[in-house]
């Protein structure tokens, strides 16, 4: 999936969380991140903290890659 903005990233995170059967509350308990952070991230809040976002992506078993365009 090509991530073009924070909304698309949030949708990908929400989709994966639901595939795993996790609630936002469960993820909050497991990670220590607030439910409001997870909710904001899944809704595409552009100011979500990048370090926490990357940690959550990794915990959900997703990879985030950056590639040069026009390979």
N, C-alpha and C. Protein backbone atom coordinates (compact mmCIF):
# COMPACT_ATOMS: atom_id res chain seq x y z
N UNK A 1 0.84 -1.17 0.00
CA UNK A 1 0.00 0.00 0.00
C UNK A 1 0.89 1.24 0.00
N UNK A 2 0.59 2.15 -0.88
CA UNK A 2 1.35 3.39 -0.95
C UNK A 2 0.73 4.39 0.03
N UNK A 3 1.55 4.89 0.93
CA UNK A 3 1.10 5.86 1.93
C UNK A 3 1.33 7.25 1.36
N UNK A 4 0.24 7.96 1.10
CA UNK A 4 0.35 9.29 0.51
C UNK A 4 0.06 10.41 1.50
N UNK A 5 -0.54 10.06 2.64
CA UNK A 5 -0.81 11.06 3.67
C UNK A 5 -1.12 10.36 4.99
N UNK A 6 -1.30 11.16 6.03
CA UNK A 6 -1.53 10.59 7.36
C UNK A 6 -2.85 9.83 7.45
N UNK A 7 -3.82 10.22 6.65
CA UNK A 7 -5.11 9.52 6.67
C UNK A 7 -4.96 8.08 6.16
N UNK A 8 -4.23 7.90 5.08
CA UNK A 8 -4.01 6.56 4.51
C UNK A 8 -3.20 5.70 5.49
N UNK A 9 -2.21 6.31 6.14
CA UNK A 9 -1.44 5.57 7.14
C UNK A 9 -2.33 5.13 8.30
N UNK A 10 -3.18 6.04 8.76
CA UNK A 10 -4.10 5.71 9.84
C UNK A 10 -5.05 4.59 9.48
N UNK A 11 -5.55 4.62 8.24
CA UNK A 11 -6.45 3.56 7.78
C UNK A 11 -5.74 2.20 7.76
N UNK A 12 -4.48 2.20 7.34
CA UNK A 12 -3.71 0.95 7.31
C UNK A 12 -3.50 0.41 8.72
N UNK A 13 -3.21 1.30 9.65
CA UNK A 13 -3.01 0.89 11.04
C UNK A 13 -4.31 0.34 11.62
N UNK A 14 -5.43 1.03 11.39
CA UNK A 14 -6.73 0.56 11.90
C UNK A 14 -7.07 -0.81 11.31
N UNK A 15 -6.87 -0.96 10.02
CA UNK A 15 -7.19 -2.23 9.35
C UNK A 15 -6.39 -3.38 9.98
N UNK A 16 -5.11 -3.17 10.20
CA UNK A 16 -4.26 -4.22 10.76
C UNK A 16 -4.67 -4.53 12.21
N UNK A 17 -4.97 -3.49 12.97
CA UNK A 17 -5.40 -3.71 14.36
C UNK A 17 -6.65 -4.58 14.39
N UNK A 18 -7.59 -4.27 13.52
CA UNK A 18 -8.83 -5.04 13.48
C UNK A 18 -8.60 -6.47 12.98
N UNK A 19 -7.68 -6.63 12.01
CA UNK A 19 -7.34 -7.99 11.54
C UNK A 19 -6.82 -8.84 12.69
N UNK A 20 -6.08 -8.23 13.59
CA UNK A 20 -5.52 -8.95 14.73
C UNK A 20 -6.53 -9.13 15.86
N UNK A 21 -7.68 -8.49 15.73
CA UNK A 21 -8.72 -8.60 16.75
C UNK A 21 -8.45 -7.77 18.00
N UNK A 22 -7.60 -6.75 17.87
CA UNK A 22 -7.26 -5.90 19.00
C UNK A 22 -8.21 -4.70 19.07
N UNK A 23 -8.57 -4.32 20.27
CA UNK A 23 -9.29 -3.06 20.46
C UNK A 23 -8.26 -1.97 20.71
N UNK A 24 -8.70 -0.74 20.59
CA UNK A 24 -7.81 0.37 20.92
C UNK A 24 -7.42 0.31 22.40
N UNK A 25 -8.37 -0.09 23.25
CA UNK A 25 -8.08 -0.20 24.69
C UNK A 25 -7.02 -1.27 24.96
N UNK A 26 -7.11 -2.40 24.26
CA UNK A 26 -6.10 -3.45 24.43
C UNK A 26 -4.73 -2.94 24.02
N UNK A 27 -4.66 -2.30 22.86
CA UNK A 27 -3.38 -1.76 22.39
C UNK A 27 -2.83 -0.74 23.36
N UNK A 28 -3.70 0.07 23.92
CA UNK A 28 -3.28 1.07 24.89
C UNK A 28 -2.66 0.40 26.11
N UNK A 29 -3.33 -0.62 26.63
CA UNK A 29 -2.80 -1.35 27.79
C UNK A 29 -1.46 -2.02 27.46
N UNK A 30 -1.36 -2.59 26.28
CA UNK A 30 -0.16 -3.33 25.87
C UNK A 30 1.02 -2.40 25.62
N UNK A 31 0.76 -1.24 24.99
CA UNK A 31 1.85 -0.35 24.58
C UNK A 31 2.14 0.78 25.56
N UNK A 32 1.13 1.13 26.36
CA UNK A 32 1.28 2.29 27.22
C UNK A 32 0.91 3.59 26.52
N UNK A 33 0.56 3.51 25.24
CA UNK A 33 0.09 4.69 24.51
C UNK A 33 -1.37 4.93 24.88
N UNK A 34 -1.77 6.17 24.93
CA UNK A 34 -3.15 6.47 25.30
C UNK A 34 -4.11 6.05 24.19
N UNK A 35 -5.34 5.75 24.59
CA UNK A 35 -6.38 5.43 23.61
C UNK A 35 -6.58 6.63 22.69
N UNK A 36 -6.49 7.84 23.22
CA UNK A 36 -6.68 9.02 22.38
C UNK A 36 -5.58 9.13 21.33
N UNK A 37 -4.33 8.76 21.66
CA UNK A 37 -3.26 8.77 20.67
C UNK A 37 -3.57 7.78 19.55
N UNK A 38 -3.95 6.56 19.92
CA UNK A 38 -4.25 5.54 18.93
C UNK A 38 -5.42 5.96 18.05
N UNK A 39 -6.44 6.50 18.67
CA UNK A 39 -7.61 6.97 17.94
C UNK A 39 -7.24 8.11 16.98
N UNK A 40 -6.48 9.08 17.47
CA UNK A 40 -6.04 10.18 16.62
C UNK A 40 -5.22 9.68 15.44
N UNK A 41 -4.32 8.76 15.71
CA UNK A 41 -3.48 8.20 14.66
C UNK A 41 -4.32 7.50 13.60
N UNK A 42 -5.26 6.69 14.03
CA UNK A 42 -6.11 5.96 13.09
C UNK A 42 -7.02 6.88 12.28
N UNK A 43 -7.33 8.04 12.82
CA UNK A 43 -8.15 9.02 12.10
C UNK A 43 -7.29 9.91 11.19
N UNK A 44 -5.97 9.71 11.23
CA UNK A 44 -5.10 10.44 10.33
C UNK A 44 -4.60 11.77 10.83
N UNK A 45 -4.57 11.95 12.14
CA UNK A 45 -4.07 13.21 12.69
C UNK A 45 -2.63 13.42 12.26
N UNK A 46 -2.40 14.50 11.56
CA UNK A 46 -1.09 14.76 10.95
C UNK A 46 0.00 15.06 11.97
N UNK A 47 -0.37 15.45 13.18
CA UNK A 47 0.64 15.81 14.18
C UNK A 47 0.97 14.67 15.14
N UNK A 48 0.55 13.46 14.83
CA UNK A 48 0.86 12.31 15.69
C UNK A 48 2.38 12.12 15.76
N UNK A 49 2.84 11.79 16.95
CA UNK A 49 4.28 11.63 17.18
C UNK A 49 4.86 10.49 16.34
N UNK A 50 5.88 10.79 15.55
CA UNK A 50 6.43 9.82 14.59
C UNK A 50 7.07 8.63 15.29
N UNK A 51 7.77 8.84 16.40
CA UNK A 51 8.41 7.72 17.09
C UNK A 51 7.39 6.71 17.60
N UNK A 52 6.33 7.20 18.23
CA UNK A 52 5.28 6.31 18.71
C UNK A 52 4.58 5.62 17.55
N UNK A 53 4.39 6.36 16.47
CA UNK A 53 3.73 5.79 15.29
C UNK A 53 4.54 4.63 14.73
N UNK A 54 5.83 4.80 14.61
CA UNK A 54 6.70 3.73 14.10
C UNK A 54 6.70 2.55 15.06
N UNK A 55 6.74 2.81 16.36
CA UNK A 55 6.69 1.72 17.34
C UNK A 55 5.40 0.92 17.17
N UNK A 56 4.28 1.61 17.03
CA UNK A 56 2.99 0.93 16.89
C UNK A 56 2.94 0.13 15.59
N UNK A 57 3.45 0.69 14.51
CA UNK A 57 3.50 -0.02 13.23
C UNK A 57 4.28 -1.33 13.39
N UNK A 58 5.41 -1.25 14.04
CA UNK A 58 6.22 -2.46 14.25
C UNK A 58 5.51 -3.47 15.14
N UNK A 59 4.87 -3.01 16.20
CA UNK A 59 4.17 -3.91 17.11
C UNK A 59 3.01 -4.62 16.43
N UNK A 60 2.42 -3.98 15.43
CA UNK A 60 1.31 -4.59 14.69
C UNK A 60 1.80 -5.52 13.57
N UNK A 61 3.11 -5.66 13.45
CA UNK A 61 3.66 -6.57 12.44
C UNK A 61 3.64 -5.99 11.04
N UNK A 62 3.68 -4.66 10.95
CA UNK A 62 3.72 -3.99 9.65
C UNK A 62 5.13 -3.47 9.40
N UNK A 63 5.46 -3.25 8.14
CA UNK A 63 6.73 -2.63 7.76
C UNK A 63 6.46 -1.28 7.15
N UNK A 64 7.31 -0.34 7.43
CA UNK A 64 7.23 0.98 6.83
C UNK A 64 8.52 1.20 6.07
N UNK A 65 8.43 1.41 4.77
CA UNK A 65 9.61 1.59 3.94
C UNK A 65 9.54 2.91 3.21
N UNK A 66 10.71 3.49 2.99
CA UNK A 66 10.81 4.71 2.19
C UNK A 66 11.65 4.37 0.98
N UNK A 67 11.12 4.66 -0.20
CA UNK A 67 11.82 4.35 -1.44
C UNK A 67 11.88 5.59 -2.32
N UNK A 68 12.95 5.67 -3.07
CA UNK A 68 13.09 6.75 -4.03
C UNK A 68 12.12 6.54 -5.19
N UNK A 69 11.46 7.59 -5.61
CA UNK A 69 10.53 7.49 -6.73
C UNK A 69 11.26 7.26 -8.04
N UNK A 70 10.57 6.64 -8.96
CA UNK A 70 11.11 6.45 -10.31
C UNK A 70 12.27 5.51 -10.40
N UNK A 71 12.20 4.43 -9.64
CA UNK A 71 13.29 3.44 -9.64
C UNK A 71 13.57 2.91 -11.00
